[in-house]
């Protein structure tokens, strides 16, 4: 990608979070003559990138609404004097007169579109301001190299990026979506709060993000963790700007290791030492899930991506899709598209296949059937003949339809298991021939089989707010005994514990001392700890134990500027230890 940009070619790069997208444009920006404009969607993203660049000795700045009038004017004047190599701006500022003045007076070496999927309404973060980028580039006195970068883009979204940004014969590359250090797990807990507390208890001292679907859920989870003494903060659009910024800083600066948030949080967060991302509710699509989950383990260390799934999530997300933004609700094609994305996300959550393979195949990437680092692969599965069980379930749905009745999964399961509820008795459903015919089968197992029948289109779920089960035509192949069905189902055994640490053994005591030094320097300089050094860099120091400048430069994440600023402090701790 760097070679292509330096050769004057447009580029489109689809690279997963943590794969080095920023380097692909930052290095050419330092080599090429002129100013590199980076169009970025969030203030926090710009702030984080600029802070990281400055800590490495790069002259960079950003123009956004967070600057007061004097700061904005000073930054603009410095830019006009050619003091910056890289300038970050929001797409909505491209139409301002001062930006046209800047672009007319300075040679623009390249325009970079970060989070380029925001240009497509078929993506998960559509941003109308991105539609103005192509017009801005066309107005420049001389068209610069244009580079577009994103972490999550299906073939349809990639096509939109190429078309709407008017990239000219671009060099395109996808480095693959697989991040081997991430462990994926789907849980279907009876009690989500208990599952969350159990995970946090087993991972004390680790920091992470807990995503919730609604503000209400954020508040409930936040209060639950706070009353139990956890260092936790929260983030959602219902909070005042001042509180959101404070809470975000508390998380970034490690004052509060746990963040409970809606999807309003995270796109601009470059925090490297996030040990886990837990989705308390299922997101609306796989793109959102993969981008949010990908905020874990950016330092390359092992990290967990846990989804706590409940069928209720499907109903909540369906409501949010069909009752969302007024303009979106009027676009039936877009609603249908988003409902299809939700269906794909549901298939992931209900899958018994390798979770990593499911994610990669969604993005058009081939993967082996067994990754060895997801809950499905690490659970002992056995292939079972589910033909008889499927016939019982399908027959129950059919018998209900004969009486003019249709119900959702929970009610069908209750009928099959012979539940003695007032609702069943009052409707006379205990007289069905299928009532109680699966009384000896666990409700969870029946639900798994129903989900598989839905995924394989033997059943269909109809209705938005209260979805009900209906037979598809191909169901008669099973009911008539023409089709045999097999399914991977978990054995009735406990899940194999995954290996917690994939990295070599190192000295925890030294690691603790280096973290203490990093925290002190962070307080003194007012920078997030991970911008000084990531956890991965500290671990490498523990392994290599550098005692000279030459040895310190060999540590991962250390350059000349960081050697000069921090080298002696960290080497002193290592020597004394």
Protein backbone atom coordinates (compact mmCIF):
# COMPACT_ATOMS: atom_id res chain seq x y z
CA UNK A 1 0.00 0.00 0.00
CA UNK A 2 2.83 2.39 0.85
CA UNK A 3 4.59 1.67 -2.45
CA UNK A 4 1.36 2.32 -4.37
CA UNK A 5 0.76 5.67 -2.66
CA UNK A 6 4.37 6.77 -3.23
CA UNK A 7 3.96 5.80 -6.90
CA UNK A 8 1.00 8.20 -7.13
CA UNK A 9 -1.75 5.58 -7.31
CA UNK A 10 -5.13 5.68 -5.56
CA UNK A 11 -5.64 2.85 -3.07
CA UNK A 12 -8.40 1.03 -1.21
CA UNK A 13 -7.29 -1.05 1.77
CA UNK A 14 -9.57 -3.33 3.77
CA UNK A 15 -7.57 -4.25 6.86
CA UNK A 16 -8.79 -5.45 10.27
CA UNK A 17 -8.50 -3.34 13.41
CA UNK A 18 -4.92 -3.35 14.66
CA UNK A 19 -3.42 -4.42 11.31
CA UNK A 20 -1.58 -1.14 10.68
CA UNK A 21 -3.89 0.94 8.46
CA UNK A 22 -2.59 4.19 9.94
CA UNK A 23 1.02 3.39 9.06
CA UNK A 24 0.02 2.88 5.43
CA UNK A 25 -0.76 6.58 5.06
CA UNK A 26 1.33 8.12 7.85
CA UNK A 27 4.64 6.92 6.38
CA UNK A 28 3.92 8.29 2.86
CA UNK A 29 2.72 11.54 4.46
CA UNK A 30 6.19 12.00 5.99
CA UNK A 31 7.93 11.25 2.69
CA UNK A 32 5.78 13.17 0.20
CA UNK A 33 6.06 16.94 -0.20
CA UNK A 34 3.03 18.89 1.03
CA UNK A 35 0.21 18.37 3.52
CA UNK A 36 -1.66 15.08 3.96
CA UNK A 37 -5.35 15.62 4.73
CA UNK A 38 -6.92 12.79 6.74
CA UNK A 39 -10.72 12.81 6.72
CA UNK A 40 -11.91 11.10 9.88
CA UNK A 41 -15.40 10.67 11.39
CA UNK A 42 -14.87 11.30 15.11
CA UNK A 43 -13.16 13.91 17.25
CA UNK A 44 -11.90 11.25 19.65
CA UNK A 45 -10.34 9.34 16.74
CA UNK A 46 -8.48 12.44 15.54
CA UNK A 47 -7.34 13.36 19.05
CA UNK A 48 -5.98 9.89 19.70
CA UNK A 49 -4.16 9.66 16.37
CA UNK A 50 -2.61 13.13 16.72
CA UNK A 51 -1.48 12.39 20.29
CA UNK A 52 0.16 9.16 19.15
CA UNK A 53 1.92 10.88 16.22
CA UNK A 54 3.21 13.73 18.36
CA UNK A 55 4.56 11.26 20.92
CA UNK A 56 6.66 9.83 18.07
CA UNK A 57 7.92 13.26 17.01
CA UNK A 58 5.57 13.80 14.02
CA UNK A 59 4.12 17.27 13.39
CA UNK A 60 0.38 16.64 13.24
CA UNK A 61 -2.81 18.46 14.21
CA UNK A 62 -6.59 18.31 13.85
CA UNK A 63 -9.36 20.79 13.09
CA UNK A 64 -12.67 20.05 14.77
CA UNK A 65 -15.44 21.57 16.86
CA UNK A 66 -13.70 20.69 20.14
CA UNK A 67 -11.18 23.52 19.58
CA UNK A 68 -12.03 27.00 20.84
CA UNK A 69 -11.79 29.95 18.46
CA UNK A 70 -8.20 30.83 19.39
CA UNK A 71 -6.98 27.22 19.14
CA UNK A 72 -8.71 26.78 15.79
CA UNK A 73 -7.16 29.99 14.39
CA UNK A 74 -3.70 29.04 15.67
CA UNK A 75 -3.91 25.56 14.12
CA UNK A 76 -5.11 26.98 10.80
CA UNK A 77 -2.27 29.57 10.73
CA UNK A 78 0.33 26.91 11.50
CA UNK A 79 -1.10 24.74 8.74
CA UNK A 80 -0.93 27.65 6.26
CA UNK A 81 2.75 28.13 7.21
CA UNK A 82 3.40 24.50 6.33
CA UNK A 83 4.27 23.35 9.85
CA UNK A 84 2.27 20.12 9.70
CA UNK A 85 2.83 16.93 7.74
CA UNK A 86 -0.62 15.54 8.61
CA UNK A 87 -3.89 17.36 9.33
CA UNK A 88 -7.03 15.54 10.50
CA UNK A 89 -10.46 16.99 9.67
CA UNK A 90 -14.11 15.89 9.84
CA UNK A 91 -15.91 15.47 6.48
CA UNK A 92 -18.49 18.13 7.40
CA UNK A 93 -15.74 20.81 7.50
CA UNK A 94 -14.71 20.30 3.87
CA UNK A 95 -17.26 22.87 2.63
CA UNK A 96 -15.97 25.68 4.89
CA UNK A 97 -14.26 28.67 3.25
CA UNK A 98 -11.15 28.33 5.40
CA UNK A 99 -10.66 24.75 4.19
CA UNK A 100 -10.99 25.89 0.57
CA UNK A 101 -8.42 28.61 1.33
CA UNK A 102 -6.07 26.07 2.88
CA UNK A 103 -6.45 23.68 -0.05
CA UNK A 104 -5.89 26.53 -2.54
CA UNK A 105 -2.68 27.82 -0.91
CA UNK A 106 -0.93 24.60 0.12
CA UNK A 107 0.19 21.65 -1.96
CA UNK A 108 -1.93 18.68 -0.82
CA UNK A 109 0.21 15.55 -1.02
CA UNK A 110 -2.63 13.10 -0.45
CA UNK A 111 -6.20 12.85 0.80
CA UNK A 112 -6.92 9.96 3.14
CA UNK A 113 -10.43 8.73 3.91
CA UNK A 114 -10.39 6.79 7.18
CA UNK A 115 -13.37 4.56 8.09
CA UNK A 116 -14.28 4.71 4.40
CA UNK A 117 -17.28 2.38 4.87
CA UNK A 118 -19.12 5.45 6.25
CA UNK A 119 -19.72 6.56 2.63
CA UNK A 120 -22.12 3.67 1.97
CA UNK A 121 -25.72 3.55 3.16
CA UNK A 122 -25.38 -0.25 2.97
CA UNK A 123 -22.63 -0.13 5.60
CA UNK A 124 -23.22 -0.01 9.34
CA UNK A 125 -22.01 3.56 10.03
CA UNK A 126 -23.37 5.65 7.15
CA UNK A 127 -22.25 9.29 7.44
CA UNK A 128 -23.89 11.71 4.93
CA UNK A 129 -20.88 14.06 5.14
CA UNK A 130 -18.77 11.41 3.42
CA UNK A 131 -20.77 11.96 0.22
CA UNK A 132 -19.15 15.45 -0.10
CA UNK A 133 -15.58 14.13 -0.14
CA UNK A 134 -15.39 13.40 -3.88
CA UNK A 135 -16.61 16.94 -4.66
CA UNK A 136 -13.99 18.48 -2.37
CA UNK A 137 -11.19 16.49 -4.03
CA UNK A 138 -12.45 17.56 -7.47
CA UNK A 139 -12.25 21.26 -6.42
CA UNK A 140 -8.57 21.03 -5.50
CA UNK A 141 -6.19 22.82 -7.91
CA UNK A 142 -4.36 19.54 -8.47
CA UNK A 143 -5.88 16.14 -7.69
CA UNK A 144 -3.75 14.40 -5.07
CA UNK A 145 -3.40 10.69 -4.42
CA UNK A 146 -6.56 9.43 -2.71
CA UNK A 147 -6.37 6.57 -0.21
CA UNK A 148 -9.39 4.92 1.41
CA UNK A 149 -9.12 2.65 4.46
CA UNK A 150 -11.64 0.56 6.40
CA UNK A 151 -11.65 -2.43 8.73
CA UNK A 152 -15.04 -3.85 7.78
CA UNK A 153 -16.40 -3.88 4.25
CA UNK A 154 -18.43 -6.47 2.39
CA UNK A 155 -18.14 -6.65 -1.42
CA UNK A 156 -21.18 -4.35 -1.76
CA UNK A 157 -19.72 -1.71 0.57
CA UNK A 158 -16.30 -1.91 -1.14
CA UNK A 159 -18.00 -1.26 -4.48
CA UNK A 160 -19.71 1.82 -3.00
CA UNK A 161 -16.39 3.12 -1.68
CA UNK A 162 -14.79 2.84 -5.13
CA UNK A 163 -17.75 4.52 -6.86
CA UNK A 164 -18.78 7.25 -4.42
CA UNK A 165 -15.22 8.39 -3.65
CA UNK A 166 -14.40 8.27 -7.39
CA UNK A 167 -11.15 6.40 -6.91
CA UNK A 168 -9.13 6.25 -10.15
CA UNK A 169 -7.92 2.77 -11.13
CA UNK A 170 -7.03 2.08 -7.50
CA UNK A 171 -4.71 -0.55 -6.09
CA UNK A 172 -6.99 -2.60 -3.81
CA UNK A 173 -5.96 -4.99 -1.12
CA UNK A 174 -7.62 -6.94 1.66
CA UNK A 175 -5.12 -8.28 4.15
CA UNK A 176 -7.70 -10.67 5.55
CA UNK A 177 -10.03 -10.28 8.50
CA UNK A 178 -8.53 -12.96 10.70
CA UNK A 179 -6.95 -11.86 13.98
CA UNK A 180 -5.55 -14.96 15.57
CA UNK A 181 -5.10 -13.41 19.03
CA UNK A 182 -8.87 -12.92 19.45
CA UNK A 183 -10.90 -15.67 21.11
CA UNK A 184 -14.58 -15.71 20.08
CA UNK A 185 -17.32 -17.12 22.27
CA UNK A 186 -21.12 -17.14 22.21
CA UNK A 187 -22.92 -17.86 25.47
CA UNK A 188 -26.67 -18.37 25.83
CA UNK A 189 -27.02 -17.72 29.58
CA UNK A 190 -30.26 -18.00 31.51
CA UNK A 191 -29.13 -14.94 33.46
CA UNK A 192 -26.95 -12.44 31.57
CA UNK A 193 -25.98 -10.43 34.63
CA UNK A 194 -24.76 -13.58 36.41
CA UNK A 195 -22.76 -14.60 33.33
CA UNK A 196 -21.13 -11.17 33.16
CA UNK A 197 -20.26 -11.15 36.86
CA UNK A 198 -18.82 -14.66 36.59
CA UNK A 199 -16.56 -13.58 33.71
CA UNK A 200 -15.34 -10.45 35.52
CA UNK A 201 -14.66 -12.46 38.68
CA UNK A 202 -12.47 -14.86 36.67
CA UNK A 203 -10.63 -11.99 34.95
CA UNK A 204 -9.87 -9.63 37.81
CA UNK A 205 -7.39 -6.90 36.98
CA UNK A 206 -8.23 -6.94 33.26
CA UNK A 207 -9.82 -4.00 31.46
CA UNK A 208 -12.48 -4.14 28.79
CA UNK A 209 -15.64 -2.84 27.15
CA UNK A 210 -19.18 -4.11 27.77
CA UNK A 211 -21.54 -3.18 24.93
CA UNK A 212 -25.30 -2.92 25.50
CA UNK A 213 -28.06 -2.39 22.93
CA UNK A 214 -29.89 0.42 24.77
CA UNK A 215 -29.17 3.29 27.16
CA UNK A 216 -31.40 1.62 29.74
CA UNK A 217 -29.30 -1.55 29.64
CA UNK A 218 -26.12 0.52 29.97
CA UNK A 219 -27.46 2.20 33.10
CA UNK A 220 -28.56 -1.11 34.64
CA UNK A 221 -25.24 -2.89 34.01
CA UNK A 222 -23.22 0.16 35.09
CA UNK A 223 -25.15 0.42 38.39
CA UNK A 224 -24.84 -3.32 39.01
CA UNK A 225 -21.05 -3.26 38.60
CA UNK A 226 -20.58 0.01 40.48
CA UNK A 227 -22.49 -1.23 43.55
CA UNK A 228 -20.24 -4.30 43.57
CA UNK A 229 -17.11 -2.16 43.74
CA UNK A 230 -15.85 -2.45 40.18
CA UNK A 231 -13.92 0.44 38.64
CA UNK A 232 -16.49 1.17 35.95
CA UNK A 233 -17.75 4.07 33.88
CA UNK A 234 -20.43 4.48 31.17
CA UNK A 235 -21.02 6.06 27.77
CA UNK A 236 -24.16 6.69 25.74
CA UNK A 237 -25.79 9.51 23.76
CA UNK A 238 -28.11 10.42 26.64
CA UNK A 239 -25.27 11.77 28.77
CA UNK A 240 -24.09 15.39 28.62
CA UNK A 241 -21.05 16.03 26.40
CA UNK A 242 -18.92 16.95 29.40
CA UNK A 243 -19.70 13.71 31.22
CA UNK A 244 -19.13 11.60 28.10
CA UNK A 245 -15.70 13.16 27.57
CA UNK A 246 -14.78 12.69 31.23
CA UNK A 247 -15.92 9.06 31.25
CA UNK A 248 -14.07 8.34 28.02
CA UNK A 249 -10.86 9.83 29.47
CA UNK A 250 -11.31 7.80 32.68
CA UNK A 251 -11.30 4.65 30.56
CA UNK A 252 -8.49 5.69 28.21
CA UNK A 253 -6.24 6.81 31.07
CA UNK A 254 -6.92 3.56 33.00
CA UNK A 255 -8.61 5.35 35.89
CA UNK A 256 -11.64 3.10 35.28
CA UNK A 257 -10.74 -0.25 33.66
CA UNK A 258 -14.34 -1.12 32.67
CA UNK A 259 -16.49 0.79 30.17
CA UNK A 260 -20.21 0.01 29.76
CA UNK A 261 -21.49 1.63 26.58
CA UNK A 262 -23.83 1.65 23.61
CA UNK A 263 -22.39 1.50 20.10
CA UNK A 264 -21.96 5.30 20.32
CA UNK A 265 -18.62 4.52 21.97
CA UNK A 266 -15.47 3.20 20.43
CA UNK A 267 -14.86 4.10 16.80
CA UNK A 268 -12.28 6.68 17.80
CA UNK A 269 -10.66 4.67 20.57
CA UNK A 270 -7.13 3.49 19.80
CA UNK A 271 -6.61 1.97 23.25
CA UNK A 272 -4.25 -0.95 22.84
CA UNK A 273 -4.66 -2.78 26.16
CA UNK A 274 -8.33 -3.79 25.98
CA UNK A 275 -8.32 -7.40 27.24
CA UNK A 276 -11.93 -8.21 26.41
CA UNK A 277 -15.06 -6.96 24.68
CA UNK A 278 -18.34 -8.37 25.96
CA UNK A 279 -21.55 -7.83 24.01
CA UNK A 280 -24.29 -7.91 26.64
CA UNK A 281 -26.79 -7.83 23.76
CA UNK A 282 -26.44 -9.02 20.18
CA UNK A 283 -25.68 -6.20 17.67
CA UNK A 284 -27.78 -5.61 14.57
CA UNK A 285 -25.20 -6.86 12.07
CA UNK A 286 -21.91 -8.68 11.76
CA UNK A 287 -20.01 -5.56 10.56
CA UNK A 288 -20.85 -3.73 13.80
CA UNK A 289 -20.06 -6.78 15.89
CA UNK A 290 -16.69 -7.42 14.26
CA UNK A 291 -15.63 -3.78 14.47
CA UNK A 292 -16.64 -3.49 18.13
CA UNK A 293 -15.17 -6.87 19.08
CA UNK A 294 -11.99 -5.87 17.25
CA UNK A 295 -11.30 -3.17 19.82
CA UNK A 296 -9.93 -5.97 21.99
CA UNK A 297 -6.32 -7.07 21.70
CA UNK A 298 -4.98 -4.27 19.50
CA UNK A 299 -1.57 -4.84 21.11
CA UNK A 300 -1.49 -8.37 19.71
CA UNK A 301 -1.93 -10.01 23.10
CA UNK A 302 -4.62 -12.71 23.65
CA UNK A 303 -8.04 -11.11 24.15
CA UNK A 304 -11.65 -12.31 24.48
CA UNK A 305 -14.69 -11.39 22.39
CA UNK A 306 -17.78 -12.68 24.21
CA UNK A 307 -21.38 -12.45 22.97
CA UNK A 308 -24.17 -13.07 25.50
CA UNK A 309 -27.00 -14.10 23.20
CA UNK A 310 -30.73 -14.24 23.83
CA UNK A 311 -33.52 -14.63 21.25
CA UNK A 312 -35.03 -11.46 22.76
CA UNK A 313 -32.12 -9.57 21.14
CA UNK A 314 -33.59 -10.38 17.72
CA UNK A 315 -36.93 -8.77 18.66
CA UNK A 316 -35.25 -5.67 20.12
CA UNK A 317 -33.04 -5.18 17.06
CA UNK A 318 -35.96 -5.77 14.69
CA UNK A 319 -37.87 -3.00 16.48
CA UNK A 320 -34.85 -0.66 16.34
CA UNK A 321 -34.48 -1.28 12.59
CA UNK A 322 -38.16 -0.81 11.75
CA UNK A 323 -38.77 2.14 14.11
CA UNK A 324 -35.47 4.02 13.73
CA UNK A 325 -34.55 7.22 11.91
CA UNK A 326 -37.57 8.63 10.01
CA UNK A 327 -35.66 8.86 6.72
CA UNK A 328 -34.45 5.26 7.07
CA UNK A 329 -37.92 3.96 7.98
CA UNK A 330 -39.28 5.38 4.72
CA UNK A 331 -36.62 3.48 2.75
CA UNK A 332 -38.11 -0.02 2.49
CA UNK A 333 -35.11 -1.38 0.57
CA UNK A 334 -32.80 -0.24 3.35
CA UNK A 335 -35.03 -1.77 6.05
CA UNK A 336 -35.14 -5.07 4.18
CA UNK A 337 -31.35 -4.95 3.79
CA UNK A 338 -30.84 -4.29 7.51
CA UNK A 339 -33.24 -7.10 8.45
CA UNK A 340 -31.22 -9.46 6.26
CA UNK A 341 -28.03 -8.33 8.04
CA UNK A 342 -29.74 -9.04 11.36
CA UNK A 343 -30.61 -12.52 10.13
CA UNK A 344 -26.94 -13.18 9.32
CA UNK A 345 -25.95 -11.97 12.80
CA UNK A 346 -28.54 -14.31 14.33
CA UNK A 347 -27.18 -17.25 12.36
CA UNK A 348 -23.71 -16.47 13.80
CA UNK A 349 -25.06 -16.40 17.35
CA UNK A 350 -26.96 -19.66 16.90
CA UNK A 351 -24.25 -21.46 14.94
CA UNK A 352 -22.56 -24.66 16.09
CA UNK A 353 -19.85 -24.19 13.43
CA UNK A 354 -16.48 -22.52 14.01
CA UNK A 355 -17.30 -18.91 14.94
CA UNK A 356 -14.17 -17.53 13.29
CA UNK A 357 -15.02 -19.34 10.05
CA UNK A 358 -18.56 -17.87 10.19
CA UNK A 359 -17.18 -14.32 10.53
CA UNK A 360 -14.56 -14.72 7.83
CA UNK A 361 -16.98 -16.30 5.35
CA UNK A 362 -19.37 -13.37 5.85
CA UNK A 363 -16.64 -11.05 4.57
CA UNK A 364 -15.94 -13.38 1.65
CA UNK A 365 -12.81 -14.94 3.10
CA UNK A 366 -12.24 -18.70 3.15
CA UNK A 367 -11.34 -20.29 6.46
CA UNK A 368 -10.66 -23.73 7.85
CA UNK A 369 -13.58 -25.39 9.63
CA UNK A 370 -11.69 -25.59 12.94
CA UNK A 371 -9.74 -22.63 14.38
CA UNK A 372 -9.07 -23.98 17.88
CA UNK A 373 -9.66 -20.55 19.42
CA UNK A 374 -13.43 -20.11 19.66
CA UNK A 375 -16.06 -21.53 22.00
CA UNK A 376 -17.52 -23.82 19.35
CA UNK A 377 -14.17 -25.33 18.40
CA UNK A 378 -13.13 -25.65 22.03
CA UNK A 379 -16.36 -27.33 23.06
CA UNK A 380 -16.68 -31.06 22.54
CA UNK A 381 -19.25 -31.36 19.78
CA UNK A 382 -20.75 -34.55 18.49
CA UNK A 383 -22.65 -35.11 15.27
CA UNK A 384 -26.15 -36.34 16.10
CA UNK A 385 -29.06 -37.50 13.99
CA UNK A 386 -31.79 -34.97 14.79
CA UNK A 387 -34.33 -36.28 12.25
CA UNK A 388 -36.82 -37.57 14.86
CA UNK A 389 -36.48 -34.43 17.02
CA UNK A 390 -36.96 -32.24 13.93
CA UNK A 391 -40.06 -34.23 12.93
CA UNK A 392 -41.56 -33.65 16.39
CA UNK A 393 -40.89 -29.91 16.23
CA UNK A 394 -42.17 -29.52 12.66
CA UNK A 395 -45.21 -31.64 13.46
CA UNK A 396 -46.03 -29.42 16.44
CA UNK A 397 -45.92 -26.30 14.26
CA UNK A 398 -48.14 -28.06 11.70
CA UNK A 399 -50.70 -29.24 14.30
CA UNK A 400 -50.94 -25.68 15.62
CA UNK A 401 -51.54 -24.36 12.10
CA UNK A 402 -54.40 -26.85 11.68
CA UNK A 403 -56.11 -25.11 14.59
CA UNK A 404 -55.39 -21.71 13.10
CA UNK A 405 -52.76 -20.97 15.77
CA UNK A 406 -49.16 -19.78 15.37
CA UNK A 407 -46.67 -19.19 18.16
CA UNK A 408 -43.05 -18.22 18.74
CA UNK A 409 -40.20 -20.49 19.80
CA UNK A 410 -40.80 -20.31 23.55
CA UNK A 411 -44.45 -21.37 23.33
CA UNK A 412 -43.66 -24.22 20.91
CA UNK A 413 -40.95 -25.46 23.27
CA UNK A 414 -43.36 -25.32 26.24
CA UNK A 415 -45.93 -27.39 24.28
CA UNK A 416 -43.32 -29.95 23.23
CA UNK A 417 -42.06 -30.30 26.81
CA UNK A 418 -45.58 -30.55 28.24
CA UNK A 419 -45.48 -27.40 30.35
CA UNK A 420 -48.50 -27.12 32.64
CA UNK A 421 -49.14 -23.40 32.20
CA UNK A 422 -52.49 -21.61 32.38
CA UNK A 423 -51.95 -20.24 28.87
CA UNK A 424 -51.56 -23.74 27.39
CA UNK A 425 -54.48 -25.22 29.31
CA UNK A 426 -56.75 -22.25 28.63
CA UNK A 427 -56.16 -22.54 24.87
CA UNK A 428 -56.68 -26.30 24.94
CA UNK A 429 -53.17 -26.86 23.60
CA UNK A 430 -52.58 -29.70 26.07
CA UNK A 431 -54.89 -31.79 23.84
CA UNK A 432 -52.50 -31.59 20.87
CA UNK A 433 -50.98 -34.90 19.79
CA UNK A 434 -47.54 -33.26 20.06
CA UNK A 435 -48.09 -32.00 23.63
CA UNK A 436 -45.32 -33.36 25.87
CA UNK A 437 -43.65 -35.54 23.21
CA UNK A 438 -40.24 -33.99 24.04
CA UNK A 439 -40.69 -33.87 27.82
CA UNK A 440 -37.36 -35.63 28.32
CA UNK A 441 -35.41 -33.15 26.16
CA UNK A 442 -33.73 -30.06 27.59
CA UNK A 443 -35.38 -26.79 26.47
CA UNK A 444 -32.03 -25.38 25.39
CA UNK A 445 -31.41 -28.34 23.09
CA UNK A 446 -34.85 -27.95 21.50
CA UNK A 447 -34.14 -24.26 20.95
CA UNK A 448 -30.79 -25.10 19.29
CA UNK A 449 -32.54 -27.51 16.92
CA UNK A 450 -35.24 -24.94 16.11
CA UNK A 451 -32.53 -22.37 15.35
CA UNK A 452 -30.87 -24.88 13.02
CA UNK A 453 -34.20 -25.57 11.28
CA UNK A 454 -34.61 -21.82 10.80
CA UNK A 455 -31.04 -21.46 9.49
CA UNK A 456 -31.60 -24.32 7.01
CA UNK A 457 -35.00 -22.92 5.92
CA UNK A 458 -37.19 -25.79 7.13
CA UNK A 459 -38.92 -23.19 9.33
CA UNK A 460 -39.41 -19.47 8.87
CA UNK A 461 -39.99 -16.82 11.55
CA UNK A 462 -42.74 -14.40 10.49
CA UNK A 463 -43.77 -11.11 12.08
CA UNK A 464 -41.71 -8.24 13.45
CA UNK A 465 -42.74 -7.49 17.02
CA UNK A 466 -44.02 -10.98 17.92
CA UNK A 467 -42.41 -13.44 15.46
CA UNK A 468 -44.09 -16.83 15.03
CA UNK A 469 -42.89 -20.11 13.52
CA UNK A 470 -44.27 -21.36 10.19
CA UNK A 471 -43.40 -24.35 8.02
CA UNK A 472 -41.46 -23.92 4.79
CA UNK A 473 -42.28 -26.22 1.85
CA UNK A 474 -39.10 -28.25 2.23
CA UNK A 475 -40.17 -29.23 5.78
CA UNK A 476 -42.37 -31.91 4.23
CA UNK A 477 -39.24 -33.77 3.10
CA UNK A 478 -38.40 -34.29 6.76
CA UNK A 479 -41.95 -34.95 7.92
CA UNK A 480 -42.37 -37.51 5.15
CA UNK A 481 -39.18 -39.33 6.10
CA UNK A 482 -37.45 -38.47 2.80
CA UNK A 483 -34.74 -36.36 4.42
CA UNK A 484 -32.34 -37.27 7.22
CA UNK A 485 -30.94 -34.39 9.28
CA UNK A 486 -27.71 -34.34 11.28
CA UNK A 487 -26.42 -31.51 13.47
CA UNK A 488 -23.37 -30.74 15.58
CA UNK A 489 -24.64 -30.51 19.15
CA UNK A 490 -22.63 -30.04 22.35
CA UNK A 491 -22.19 -33.09 24.50
CA UNK A 492 -23.46 -32.86 28.04
CA UNK A 493 -19.97 -32.07 29.35
CA UNK A 494 -18.28 -28.94 30.60
CA UNK A 495 -16.51 -26.74 28.09
CA UNK A 496 -12.80 -27.25 27.70
CA UNK A 497 -10.95 -24.37 29.26
CA UNK A 498 -9.03 -22.39 26.66
CA UNK A 499 -5.38 -21.61 27.20
CA UNK A 500 -5.34 -18.16 28.79
CA UNK A 501 -1.86 -17.15 27.76
CA UNK A 502 -0.49 -17.72 24.27
CA UNK A 503 2.63 -15.61 24.85
CA UNK A 504 5.92 -16.79 26.40
CA UNK A 505 6.30 -16.74 30.18
CA UNK A 506 7.78 -13.54 31.56
CA UNK A 507 8.39 -11.92 34.93
CA UNK A 508 5.07 -10.62 36.33
CA UNK A 509 6.80 -8.69 39.14
CA UNK A 510 8.93 -6.71 36.68
CA UNK A 511 5.88 -6.16 34.49
CA UNK A 512 4.05 -4.67 37.50
CA UNK A 513 6.95 -2.26 38.22
CA UNK A 514 7.10 -1.13 34.59
CA UNK A 515 3.32 -0.52 34.62
CA UNK A 516 3.69 1.57 37.80
CA UNK A 517 6.36 3.69 36.10
CA UNK A 518 4.19 4.07 33.01
CA UNK A 519 1.23 5.19 35.17
CA UNK A 520 3.39 7.80 36.92
CA UNK A 521 4.70 9.17 33.61
CA UNK A 522 1.16 9.23 32.22
CA UNK A 523 -0.01 11.35 35.16
CA UNK A 524 2.96 13.70 34.83
CA UNK A 525 2.60 14.18 31.06
CA UNK A 526 -1.20 14.07 30.90
CA UNK A 527 -1.12 11.29 28.29
CA UNK A 528 -2.92 7.94 28.24
CA UNK A 529 -0.64 5.19 29.51
CA UNK A 530 -0.85 3.17 26.30
CA UNK A 531 0.46 6.11 24.24
CA UNK A 532 3.67 6.06 26.28
CA UNK A 533 4.04 2.29 25.82
CA UNK A 534 1.54 -0.47 25.13
CA UNK A 535 1.26 -3.53 27.37
CA UNK A 536 2.85 -5.49 24.52
CA UNK A 537 5.90 -3.20 24.65
CA UNK A 538 6.19 -3.63 28.44
CA UNK A 539 5.98 -7.40 28.06
CA UNK A 540 8.73 -7.29 25.45
CA UNK A 541 10.87 -5.28 27.90
CA UNK A 542 10.30 -8.03 30.48
CA UNK A 543 11.51 -10.64 28.02
CA UNK A 544 14.48 -8.69 26.58
CA UNK A 545 15.45 -6.70 29.73
CA UNK A 546 17.30 -3.96 27.80
CA UNK A 547 20.08 -2.17 29.66
CA UNK A 548 21.56 -0.02 26.89
CA UNK A 549 20.05 2.35 24.29
CA UNK A 550 20.83 -0.10 21.49
CA UNK A 551 19.04 -2.92 23.34
CA UNK A 552 16.09 -0.63 24.18
CA UNK A 553 15.62 0.20 20.49
CA UNK A 554 15.12 -3.51 19.85
CA UNK A 555 11.97 -3.52 22.01
CA UNK A 556 8.67 -3.69 20.12
CA UNK A 557 7.13 -0.21 19.84
CA UNK A 558 10.31 1.76 20.63
CA UNK A 559 11.73 4.37 18.27
CA UNK A 560 14.33 7.14 18.60
CA UNK A 561 11.84 9.64 20.08
CA UNK A 562 10.53 7.26 22.75
CA UNK A 563 14.07 6.12 23.54
CA UNK A 564 15.04 9.74 24.17
CA UNK A 565 11.92 10.56 26.21
CA UNK A 566 11.46 7.43 28.29
CA UNK A 567 14.36 5.06 27.72
CA UNK A 568 16.50 5.90 30.74
CA UNK A 569 13.52 5.78 33.14
CA UNK A 570 12.50 2.29 32.05
CA UNK A 571 16.05 0.94 31.76
CA UNK A 572 16.73 2.22 35.28
CA UNK A 573 13.81 0.20 36.65
CA UNK A 574 15.05 -2.88 34.77
CA UNK A 575 18.63 -2.44 35.99
CA UNK A 576 17.55 -1.94 39.61
CA UNK A 577 15.26 -4.95 39.41
